Amino acid sequence: MTDQLLLDVLEISRRAGNEILDVYNGAFDVETKGDGSPLTMADQRAHNLIVRELAELTPDIPILSEESAGNEQIDRFNWPRFWLVDPLDGTKEFVKRNGEFTVNIALIDNRLPVMGVVHVPVTNESYVGEVGKGASFFAGDGSSRAINTLAYDGGTPIVVASRSHAGGSTGTYLENLQRDIGEPDVQSMGSSLKICLVASGDAHVYPRLGPTSEWDTAAAHAVLAAAGGNILAPSGDELAYNKESVLNPWFFATGGGAHDWLKYLDNIEVPEKSA
C-alpha cells in the first residue's frame, strides 16, 4: 500500500460525492429497502461510480458495498483483503438535507480496516487515514493537516452522540457518566462523522449502544486507528470485520488512553454479542 493509493481513493470518493450532490441539489424520490432503510438514486449512482473506479484502480481486490448484490455477500468469506464501501452513509440525513452524510471507502485486511476515506460531499471535506502512516483532514479548499486523537485524562468529557439515537441506552449512559465524573459536553452528529470527531481530537469517546453495519463504521474506524484511537467491541478487543453477520455489536470509539469507558454501563441492557 502506498500513499498514492490513498490519494487515488480520496479522489474516487470526491467524484462519488459529486454524483450525490447532483441528486441532492434537485428533486429526488425516496424508496424503502427491505430492511426499512431509505434509498435514493444518489446511493446507486455513488455505488456505481465507486465500484467501477475501484475495480479499475485495484482489479485484484474485491469490493463489497452496501448496495452489492447477494453474490458478493457469499463470496466475501474467501476474501482476506477487500474494499468495504458505503456509497452514501446517512441517507436519513441526506433526505433531511442537513448535510451530515458521507461517502465511506475502507480497505479491510485480515478482518481489520487498514485504510479509510470519509468524504463529506456538501462541504468537500474529507477524513483520511492509513494505519501506521497517520491520519489527515482535508478542508474544502484542498488544504490538509494531520489529525490525532485526544485521550481523556480528567475534566469535562466530550462525548459524541448519534443525532437520531440520542435517547434510550445512550441517554442512560450519559446520566451515569455525569454522576461519576461530571456533566459531559455532548456533540451530536450524523453518519460516520461521529467517529471522525473522535479521530480529529474533537471528542473523547463515541458510545454506540445499538446496531450498525460493517460498512457504516469501517472507513471511519481506519481513520480513527490511524489517528491513535480505536473501536472496542464488547469483548474489549478491536472491532473486527467480515463477520458471519454484517451487523456490528455495540461498541465504543475512543481516543485511546487508559480511561475505562465501559464502567458507566450500569443499569443499561445491551446485547452481549461478541465480535
C-alpha atoms as a PDB file:
ATOM      1  CA  MET A   1       0.000   0.000   0.000  1.00  0.00           C
ATOM      2  CA  THR A   2       1.271   3.452  -0.803  1.00  0.00           C
ATOM      3  CA  ASP A   3       0.233   6.975  -0.015  1.00  0.00           C
ATOM      4  CA  GLN A   4      -0.708   7.371  -3.683  1.00  0.00           C
ATOM      5  CA  LEU A   5      -3.338   4.661  -3.357  1.00  0.00           C
ATOM      6  CA  LEU A   6      -4.948   6.580  -0.510  1.00  0.00           C
ATOM      7  CA  LEU A   7      -4.978   9.771  -2.589  1.00  0.00           C
ATOM      8  CA  ASP A   8      -6.500   7.871  -5.509  1.00  0.00           C
ATOM      9  CA  VAL A   9      -9.268   6.551  -3.254  1.00  0.00           C
ATOM     10  CA  LEU A  10      -9.830  10.065  -1.928  1.00  0.00           C
ATOM     11  CA  GLU A  11     -10.331  11.297  -5.485  1.00  0.00           C
ATOM     12  CA  ILE A  12     -12.809   8.482  -6.154  1.00  0.00           C
ATOM     13  CA  SER A  13     -14.753   9.470  -3.042  1.00  0.00           C
ATOM     14  CA  ARG A  14     -14.869  13.086  -4.212  1.00  0.00           C
ATOM     15  CA  ARG A  15     -16.235  12.082  -7.605  1.00  0.00           C
ATOM     16  CA  ALA A  16     -18.835   9.911  -5.891  1.00  0.00           C
ATOM     17  CA  GLY A  17     -19.686  12.930  -3.755  1.00  0.00           C
ATOM     18  CA  ASN A  18     -20.320  14.954  -6.889  1.00  0.00           C
ATOM     19  CA  GLU A  19     -22.733  12.274  -8.107  1.00  0.00           C
ATOM     20  CA  ILE A  20     -24.561  12.533  -4.782  1.00  0.00           C
ATOM     21  CA  LEU A  21     -24.699  16.332  -4.908  1.00  0.00           C
ATOM     22  CA  ASP A  22     -26.155  16.230  -8.398  1.00  0.00           C
ATOM     23  CA  VAL A  23     -29.159  14.412  -6.923  1.00  0.00           C
ATOM     24  CA  TYR A  24     -29.152  16.320  -3.621  1.00  0.00           C
ATOM     25  CA  ASN A  25     -29.426  19.691  -5.307  1.00  0.00           C
ATOM     26  CA  GLY A  26     -32.555  18.713  -7.213  1.00  0.00           C
ATOM     27  CA  ALA A  27     -35.792  16.865  -6.591  1.00  0.00           C
ATOM     28  CA  PHE A  28     -35.444  13.181  -5.745  1.00  0.00           C
ATOM     29  CA  ASP A  29     -37.596  10.211  -4.795  1.00  0.00           C
ATOM     30  CA  VAL A  30     -37.022   8.071  -1.708  1.00  0.00           C
ATOM     31  CA  GLU A  31     -37.563   4.324  -1.828  1.00  0.00           C
ATOM     32  CA  THR A  32     -37.579   1.886   1.098  1.00  0.00           C
ATOM     33  CA  LYS A  33     -35.257  -1.131   1.135  1.00  0.00           C
ATOM     34  CA  GLY A  34     -36.205  -4.498   2.551  1.00  0.00           C
ATOM     35  CA  ASP A  35     -34.798  -3.604   5.956  1.00  0.00           C
ATOM     36  CA  GLY A  36     -36.877  -0.430   6.112  1.00  0.00           C
ATOM     37  CA  SER A  37     -33.977   1.942   5.467  1.00  0.00           C
ATOM     38  CA  PRO A  38     -34.286   4.689   2.841  1.00  0.00           C
ATOM     39  CA  LEU A  39     -32.690   4.517  -0.608  1.00  0.00           C
ATOM     40  CA  THR A  40     -32.291   7.241  -3.222  1.00  0.00           C
ATOM     41  CA  MET A  41     -30.863   7.479  -6.718  1.00  0.00           C
ATOM     42  CA  ALA A  42     -27.840   9.128  -5.108  1.00  0.00           C
ATOM     43  CA  ASP A  43     -26.947   5.882  -3.281  1.00  0.00           C
ATOM     44  CA  GLN A  44     -26.996   3.925  -6.538  1.00  0.00           C
ATOM     45  CA  ARG A  45     -25.099   6.490  -8.592  1.00  0.00           C
ATOM     46  CA  ALA A  46     -22.351   6.731  -5.969  1.00  0.00           C
ATOM     47  CA  HIS A  47     -22.205   2.928  -5.728  1.00  0.00           C
ATOM     48  CA  ASN A  48     -21.848   2.518  -9.491  1.00  0.00           C
ATOM     49  CA  LEU A  49     -19.035   5.061  -9.730  1.00  0.00           C
ATOM     50  CA  ILE A  50     -17.083   3.720  -6.747  1.00  0.00           C
ATOM     51  CA  VAL A  51     -17.307   0.071  -7.789  1.00  0.00           C
ATOM     52  CA  ARG A  52     -16.308   0.882 -11.366  1.00  0.00           C
ATOM     53  CA  GLU A  53     -13.335   3.051 -10.429  1.00  0.00           C
ATOM     54  CA  LEU A  54     -12.040   0.836  -7.616  1.00  0.00           C
ATOM     55  CA  ALA A  55     -12.162  -2.122  -9.986  1.00  0.00           C
ATOM     56  CA  GLU A  56     -10.034  -0.158 -12.453  1.00  0.00           C
ATOM     57  CA  LEU A  57      -7.643   1.052  -9.739  1.00  0.00           C
ATOM     58  CA  THR A  58      -7.116  -2.304  -7.992  1.00  0.00           C
ATOM     59  CA  PRO A  59      -8.507  -5.086 -10.195  1.00  0.00           C
ATOM     60  CA  ASP A  60      -7.183  -7.807  -7.855  1.00  0.00           C
ATOM     61  CA  ILE A  61      -9.019  -6.529  -4.768  1.00  0.00           C
ATOM     62  CA  PRO A  62     -12.719  -7.485  -4.497  1.00  0.00           C
ATOM     63  CA  ILE A  63     -15.361  -4.972  -3.436  1.00  0.00           C
ATOM     64  CA  LEU A  64     -18.268  -5.232  -1.020  1.00  0.00           C
ATOM     65  CA  SER A  65     -20.701  -2.308  -0.996  1.00  0.00           C
ATOM     66  CA  GLU A  66     -23.894  -1.767   0.958  1.00  0.00           C
ATOM     67  CA  GLU A  67     -25.644  -1.820  -2.406  1.00  0.00           C
ATOM     68  CA  SER A  68     -23.868  -5.008  -3.600  1.00  0.00           C
ATOM     69  CA  ALA A  69     -25.816  -7.989  -4.867  1.00  0.00           C
ATOM     70  CA  GLY A  70     -26.094 -11.249  -2.947  1.00  0.00           C
ATOM     71  CA  ASN A  71     -23.140 -12.969  -4.642  1.00  0.00           C
ATOM     72  CA  GLU A  72     -20.620 -10.630  -3.022  1.00  0.00           C
ATOM     73  CA  GLN A  73     -22.158 -11.318   0.373  1.00  0.00           C
ATOM     74  CA  ILE A  74     -21.487 -15.036  -0.105  1.00  0.00           C
ATOM     75  CA  ASP A  75     -18.030 -14.728  -1.675  1.00  0.00           C
ATOM     76  CA  ARG A  76     -16.677 -12.317   0.964  1.00  0.00           C
ATOM     77  CA  PHE A  77     -15.724 -15.086   3.408  1.00  0.00           C
ATOM     78  CA  ASN A  78     -12.960 -16.107   0.991  1.00  0.00           C
ATOM     79  CA  TRP A  79     -11.513 -12.600   0.861  1.00  0.00           C
ATOM     80  CA  PRO A  80      -8.522 -11.890   3.142  1.00  0.00           C
ATOM     81  CA  ARG A  81      -8.435  -8.355   1.730  1.00  0.00           C
ATOM     82  CA  PHE A  82     -11.250  -6.315   0.160  1.00  0.00           C
ATOM     83  CA  TRP A  83     -12.762  -2.859  -0.220  1.00  0.00           C
ATOM     84  CA  LEU A  84     -15.738  -2.219   2.052  1.00  0.00           C
ATOM     85  CA  VAL A  85     -17.918   0.646   0.823  1.00  0.00           C
ATOM     86  CA  ASP A  86     -20.890   2.655   1.980  1.00  0.00           C
ATOM     87  CA  PRO A  87     -21.638   4.862  -1.035  1.00  0.00           C
ATOM     88  CA  LEU A  88     -23.901   7.164   0.994  1.00  0.00           C
ATOM     89  CA  ASP A  89     -23.758   6.836   4.762  1.00  0.00           C
ATOM     90  CA  GLY A  90     -26.511   8.842   6.412  1.00  0.00           C
ATOM     91  CA  THR A  91     -29.287   8.590   3.843  1.00  0.00           C
ATOM     92  CA  LYS A  92     -31.700   9.852   6.529  1.00  0.00           C
ATOM     93  CA  GLU A  93     -29.523  12.964   6.858  1.00  0.00           C
ATOM     94  CA  PHE A  94     -29.490  13.247   3.060  1.00  0.00           C
ATOM     95  CA  VAL A  95     -33.294  13.164   2.963  1.00  0.00           C
ATOM     96  CA  LYS A  96     -33.434  15.783   5.749  1.00  0.00           C
ATOM     97  CA  ARG A  97     -30.955  17.893   3.733  1.00  0.00           C
ATOM     98  CA  ASN A  98     -28.798  18.695   6.776  1.00  0.00           C
ATOM     99  CA  GLY A  99     -25.512  17.911   5.019  1.00  0.00           C
ATOM    100  CA  GLU A 100     -24.341  15.307   7.549  1.00  0.00           C
ATOM    101  CA  PHE A 101     -23.885  12.409   5.132  1.00  0.00           C
ATOM    102  CA  THR A 102     -20.695  10.859   3.825  1.00  0.00           C
ATOM    103  CA  VAL A 103     -19.025   8.621   1.284  1.00  0.00           C
ATOM    104  CA  ASN A 104     -17.143   5.806   3.041  1.00  0.00           C
ATOM    105  CA  ILE A 105     -14.442   3.641   1.462  1.00  0.00           C
ATOM    106  CA  ALA A 106     -12.289   1.275   3.566  1.00  0.00           C
ATOM    107  CA  LEU A 107      -9.679  -1.359   2.838  1.00  0.00           C
ATOM    108  CA  ILE A 108     -10.059  -4.426   5.063  1.00  0.00           C
ATOM    109  CA  ASP A 109      -7.033  -6.681   5.569  1.00  0.00           C
ATOM    110  CA  ASN A 110      -7.310  -9.818   7.719  1.00  0.00           C
ATOM    111  CA  ARG A 111     -10.573  -8.574   9.238  1.00  0.00           C
ATOM    112  CA  LEU A 112      -9.256  -5.156  10.265  1.00  0.00           C
ATOM    113  CA  PRO A 113      -9.548  -1.770   8.498  1.00  0.00           C
ATOM    114  CA  VAL A 114      -6.115  -0.567   7.396  1.00  0.00           C
ATOM    115  CA  MET A 115      -7.050   2.362   5.138  1.00  0.00           C
ATOM    116  CA  GLY A 116     -10.087   4.605   5.016  1.00  0.00           C
ATOM    117  CA  VAL A 117     -11.612   7.695   3.441  1.00  0.00           C
ATOM    118  CA  VAL A 118     -14.674   9.517   4.781  1.00  0.00           C
ATOM    119  CA  HIS A 119     -15.757  12.281   2.416  1.00  0.00           C
ATOM    120  CA  VAL A 120     -18.412  14.924   3.161  1.00  0.00           C
ATOM    121  CA  PRO A 121     -19.917  15.991  -0.195  1.00  0.00           C
ATOM    122  CA  VAL A 122     -21.695  19.161   0.980  1.00  0.00           C
ATOM    123  CA  THR A 123     -18.548  20.745   2.479  1.00  0.00           C
ATOM    124  CA  ASN A 124     -15.996  18.946   0.258  1.00  0.00           C
ATOM    125  CA  GLU A 125     -14.163  17.956   3.458  1.00  0.00           C
ATOM    126  CA  SER A 126     -12.521  14.583   3.957  1.00  0.00           C
ATOM    127  CA  TYR A 127     -11.000  12.488   6.711  1.00  0.00           C
ATOM    128  CA  VAL A 128      -8.383  10.000   5.526  1.00  0.00           C
ATOM    129  CA  GLY A 129      -6.104   7.558   7.275  1.00  0.00           C
ATOM    130  CA  GLU A 130      -3.749   4.650   6.781  1.00  0.00           C
ATOM    131  CA  VAL A 131      -2.838   2.590   9.827  1.00  0.00           C
ATOM    132  CA  GLY A 132       0.837   3.022  10.635  1.00  0.00           C
ATOM    133  CA  LYS A 133       1.132   6.150   8.487  1.00  0.00           C
ATOM    134  CA  GLY A 134      -1.232   8.603  10.200  1.00  0.00           C
ATOM    135  CA  ALA A 135      -4.474  10.421   9.512  1.00  0.00           C
ATOM    136  CA  SER A 136      -5.326  13.762   7.901  1.00  0.00           C
ATOM    137  CA  PHE A 137      -8.195  16.172   7.447  1.00  0.00           C
ATOM    138  CA  PHE A 138      -8.685  17.771   4.025  1.00  0.00           C
ATOM    139  CA  ALA A 139     -10.567  21.073   4.106  1.00  0.00           C
ATOM    140  CA  GLY A 140     -12.929  22.194   1.392  1.00  0.00           C
ATOM    141  CA  ASP A 141     -10.241  24.400  -0.172  1.00  0.00           C
ATOM    142  CA  GLY A 142      -7.906  21.425  -0.599  1.00  0.00           C
ATOM    143  CA  SER A 143      -5.566  22.266   2.285  1.00  0.00           C
ATOM    144  CA  SER A 144      -4.803  19.479   4.736  1.00  0.00           C
ATOM    145  CA  ARG A 145      -3.497  18.902   8.236  1.00  0.00           C
ATOM    146  CA  ALA A 146      -2.576  15.910  10.328  1.00  0.00           C
ATOM    147  CA  ILE A 147      -5.113  14.830  12.939  1.00  0.00           C
ATOM    148  CA  ASN A 148      -4.644  12.944  16.193  1.00  0.00           C
ATOM    149  CA  THR A 149      -6.975  11.680  18.880  1.00  0.00           C
ATOM    150  CA  LEU A 150      -7.415  13.218  22.329  1.00  0.00           C
ATOM    151  CA  ALA A 151      -7.192  10.750  25.221  1.00  0.00           C
ATOM    152  CA  TYR A 152      -9.302  11.599  28.255  1.00  0.00           C
ATOM    153  CA  ASP A 153      -7.249  12.424  31.362  1.00  0.00           C
ATOM    154  CA  GLY A 154      -9.784  14.252  33.512  1.00  0.00           C
ATOM    155  CA  GLY A 155     -12.013  17.289  33.344  1.00  0.00           C
ATOM    156  CA  THR A 156     -15.120  17.585  31.194  1.00  0.00           C
ATOM    157  CA  PRO A 157     -15.614  14.508  28.997  1.00  0.00           C
ATOM    158  CA  ILE A 158     -16.516  15.293  25.390  1.00  0.00           C
ATOM    159  CA  VAL A 159     -18.948  12.673  24.123  1.00  0.00           C
ATOM    160  CA  VAL A 160     -20.381  12.186  20.640  1.00  0.00           C
ATOM    161  CA  ALA A 161     -23.996  11.075  20.464  1.00  0.00           C
ATOM    162  CA  SER A 162     -25.997   9.978  17.459  1.00  0.00           C
ATOM    163  CA  ARG A 163     -28.430  12.659  16.305  1.00  0.00           C
ATOM    164  CA  SER A 164     -31.129  10.045  15.656  1.00  0.00           C
ATOM    165  CA  HIS A 165     -30.366   7.740  18.626  1.00  0.00           C
ATOM    166  CA  ALA A 166     -29.762  10.234  21.449  1.00  0.00           C
ATOM    167  CA  GLY A 167     -32.209   8.754  23.975  1.00  0.00           C
ATOM    168  CA  GLY A 168     -32.630   5.272  25.413  1.00  0.00           C
ATOM    169  CA  SER A 169     -29.441   3.459  26.376  1.00  0.00           C
ATOM    170  CA  THR A 170     -27.264   6.379  25.290  1.00  0.00           C
ATOM    171  CA  GLY A 171     -29.228   8.763  27.485  1.00  0.00           C
ATOM    172  CA  THR A 172     -28.800   6.459  30.480  1.00  0.00           C
ATOM    173  CA  TYR A 173     -25.108   6.125  29.738  1.00  0.00           C
ATOM    174  CA  LEU A 174     -24.708   9.912  29.731  1.00  0.00           C
ATOM    175  CA  GLU A 175     -26.550  10.115  33.060  1.00  0.00           C
ATOM    176  CA  ASN A 176     -24.170   7.543  34.554  1.00  0.00           C
ATOM    177  CA  LEU A 177     -21.202   9.441  33.177  1.00  0.00           C
ATOM    178  CA  GLN A 178     -22.440  12.700  34.679  1.00  0.00           C
ATOM    179  CA  ARG A 179     -22.960  11.043  38.065  1.00  0.00           C
ATOM    180  CA  ASP A 180     -19.397   9.724  38.190  1.00  0.00           C
ATOM    181  CA  ILE A 181     -17.164  12.330  36.512  1.00  0.00           C
ATOM    182  CA  GLY A 182     -19.342  15.351  35.775  1.00  0.00           C
ATOM    183  CA  GLU A 183     -21.635  16.659  33.094  1.00  0.00           C
ATOM    184  CA  PRO A 184     -20.320  15.771  29.646  1.00  0.00           C
ATOM    185  CA  ASP A 185     -20.048  18.104  26.683  1.00  0.00           C
ATOM    186  CA  VAL A 186     -22.281  16.261  24.201  1.00  0.00           C
ATOM    187  CA  GLN A 187     -21.665  16.706  20.478  1.00  0.00           C
ATOM    188  CA  SER A 188     -24.450  15.488  18.165  1.00  0.00           C
ATOM    189  CA  MET A 189     -23.674  14.455  14.626  1.00  0.00           C
ATOM    190  CA  GLY A 190     -24.976  12.199  11.859  1.00  0.00           C
ATOM    191  CA  SER A 191     -23.398   9.336   9.877  1.00  0.00           C
ATOM    192  CA  SER A 192     -19.763   8.211  10.270  1.00  0.00           C
ATOM    193  CA  LEU A 193     -18.773  11.775  11.148  1.00  0.00           C
ATOM    194  CA  LYS A 194     -19.314  10.797  14.796  1.00  0.00           C
ATOM    195  CA  ILE A 195     -16.260   8.546  14.707  1.00  0.00           C
ATOM    196  CA  CYS A 196     -14.325  11.181  12.770  1.00  0.00           C
ATOM    197  CA  LEU A 197     -14.881  13.674  15.614  1.00  0.00           C
ATOM    198  CA  VAL A 198     -13.035  11.269  17.906  1.00  0.00           C
ATOM    199  CA  ALA A 199     -10.301  10.765  15.295  1.00  0.00           C
ATOM    200  CA  SER A 200      -9.738  14.515  14.960  1.00  0.00           C
ATOM    201  CA  GLY A 201      -9.447  15.051  18.716  1.00  0.00           C
ATOM    202  CA  ASP A 202     -12.727  16.978  18.937  1.00  0.00           C
ATOM    203  CA  ALA A 203     -14.249  14.345  21.233  1.00  0.00           C
ATOM    204  CA  HIS A 204     -13.005  11.739  23.690  1.00  0.00           C
ATOM    205  CA  VAL A 205     -15.484   8.955  23.041  1.00  0.00           C
ATOM    206  CA  TYR A 206     -18.462   7.856  20.981  1.00  0.00           C
ATOM    207  CA  PRO A 207     -20.576   5.169  22.670  1.00  0.00           C
ATOM    208  CA  ARG A 208     -22.690   3.307  20.134  1.00  0.00           C
ATOM    209  CA  LEU A 209     -25.094   1.155  22.126  1.00  0.00           C
ATOM    210  CA  GLY A 210     -27.158  -0.026  19.188  1.00  0.00           C
ATOM    211  CA  PRO A 211     -26.549  -1.942  15.961  1.00  0.00           C
ATOM    212  CA  THR A 212     -24.648  -0.709  12.931  1.00  0.00           C
ATOM    213  CA  SER A 213     -23.452  -2.468   9.800  1.00  0.00           C
ATOM    214  CA  GLU A 214     -19.816  -3.057   8.935  1.00  0.00           C
ATOM    215  CA  TRP A 215     -19.885  -0.586   6.037  1.00  0.00           C
ATOM    216  CA  ASP A 216     -21.190   2.103   8.411  1.00  0.00           C
ATOM    217  CA  THR A 217     -18.027   2.048  10.512  1.00  0.00           C
ATOM    218  CA  ALA A 218     -15.092   0.610   8.536  1.00  0.00           C
ATOM    219  CA  ALA A 219     -13.736   3.745   6.819  1.00  0.00           C
ATOM    220  CA  ALA A 220     -14.009   5.957   9.905  1.00  0.00           C
ATOM    221  CA  HIS A 221     -12.573   3.111  12.010  1.00  0.00           C
ATOM    222  CA  ALA A 222      -9.477   3.104   9.788  1.00  0.00           C
ATOM    223  CA  VAL A 223      -9.121   6.880  10.151  1.00  0.00           C
ATOM    224  CA  LEU A 224      -9.533   6.610  13.927  1.00  0.00           C
ATOM    225  CA  ALA A 225      -6.963   3.819  14.224  1.00  0.00           C
ATOM    226  CA  ALA A 226      -4.514   5.790  12.064  1.00  0.00           C
ATOM    227  CA  ALA A 227      -5.036   8.837  14.321  1.00  0.00           C
ATOM    228  CA  GLY A 228      -4.239   6.907  17.504  1.00  0.00           C
ATOM    229  CA  GLY A 229      -7.641   5.669  18.669  1.00  0.00           C
ATOM    230  CA  ASN A 230      -9.653   2.508  18.352  1.00  0.00           C
ATOM    231  CA  ILE A 231     -13.110   0.960  18.302  1.00  0.00           C
ATOM    232  CA  LEU A 232     -13.657  -1.554  21.075  1.00  0.00           C
ATOM    233  CA  ALA A 233     -16.219  -4.357  20.850  1.00  0.00           C
ATOM    234  CA  PRO A 234     -17.992  -5.818  23.943  1.00  0.00           C
ATOM    235  CA  SER A 235     -15.161  -8.336  24.315  1.00  0.00           C
ATOM    236  CA  GLY A 236     -12.719  -5.464  24.826  1.00  0.00           C
ATOM    237  CA  ASP A 237     -10.934  -6.370  21.600  1.00  0.00           C
ATOM    238  CA  GLU A 238     -10.776  -4.247  18.468  1.00  0.00           C
ATOM    239  CA  LEU A 239     -13.947  -4.384  16.384  1.00  0.00           C
ATOM    240  CA  ALA A 240     -13.433  -6.935  13.606  1.00  0.00           C
ATOM    241  CA  TYR A 241     -14.915  -7.183  10.106  1.00  0.00           C
ATOM    242  CA  ASN A 242     -16.082  -9.829   7.656  1.00  0.00           C
ATOM    243  CA  LYS A 243     -18.045 -11.468  10.456  1.00  0.00           C
ATOM    244  CA  GLU A 244     -20.749 -14.041   9.768  1.00  0.00           C
ATOM    245  CA  SER A 245     -23.265 -11.223  10.123  1.00  0.00           C
ATOM    246  CA  VAL A 246     -22.516  -7.788   8.672  1.00  0.00           C
ATOM    247  CA  LEU A 247     -24.131  -6.302  11.791  1.00  0.00           C
ATOM    248  CA  ASN A 248     -21.728  -4.924  14.383  1.00  0.00           C
ATOM    249  CA  PRO A 249     -22.211  -5.365  18.108  1.00  0.00           C
ATOM    250  CA  TRP A 250     -22.372  -2.265  20.286  1.00  0.00           C
ATOM    251  CA  PHE A 251     -19.017  -0.534  20.582  1.00  0.00           C
ATOM    252  CA  PHE A 252     -17.039   2.394  21.938  1.00  0.00           C
ATOM    253  CA  ALA A 253     -14.942   4.576  19.620  1.00  0.00           C
ATOM    254  CA  THR A 254     -12.277   6.121  21.825  1.00  0.00           C
ATOM    255  CA  GLY A 255      -9.290   8.405  21.561  1.00  0.00           C
ATOM    256  CA  GLY A 256      -7.115   5.889  23.372  1.00  0.00           C
ATOM    257  CA  GLY A 257      -5.648   6.243  26.819  1.00  0.00           C
ATOM    258  CA  ALA A 258      -6.327   4.268  29.968  1.00  0.00           C
ATOM    259  CA  HIS A 259      -9.798   5.544  30.891  1.00  0.00           C
ATOM    260  CA  ASP A 260     -12.397   2.772  31.186  1.00  0.00           C
ATOM    261  CA  TRP A 261     -15.484   3.999  29.330  1.00  0.00           C
ATOM    262  CA  LEU A 262     -17.308   0.693  29.770  1.00  0.00           C
ATOM    263  CA  LYS A 263     -17.711   1.129  33.527  1.00  0.00           C
ATOM    264  CA  TYR A 264     -20.630   3.539  33.001  1.00  0.00           C
ATOM    265  CA  LEU A 265     -22.860   0.811  31.569  1.00  0.00           C
ATOM    266  CA  ASP A 266     -24.625   0.252  34.902  1.00  0.00           C
ATOM    267  CA  ASN A 267     -28.377  -0.394  34.541  1.00  0.00           C
ATOM    268  CA  ILE A 268     -28.127  -0.472  30.755  1.00  0.00           C
ATOM    269  CA  GLU A 269     -29.252  -3.527  28.835  1.00  0.00           C
ATOM    270  CA  VAL A 270     -27.106  -4.024  25.763  1.00  0.00           C
ATOM    271  CA  PRO A 271     -26.774  -7.232  23.704  1.00  0.00           C
ATOM    272  CA  GLU A 272     -23.846  -9.352  24.833  1.00  0.00           C
ATOM    273  CA  LYS A 273     -22.926 -10.129  21.254  1.00  0.00           C
ATOM    274  CA  SER A 274     -19.245 -10.679  20.583  1.00  0.00           C
ATOM    275  CA  ALA A 275     -17.334  -9.521  17.520  1.00  0.00           C
END
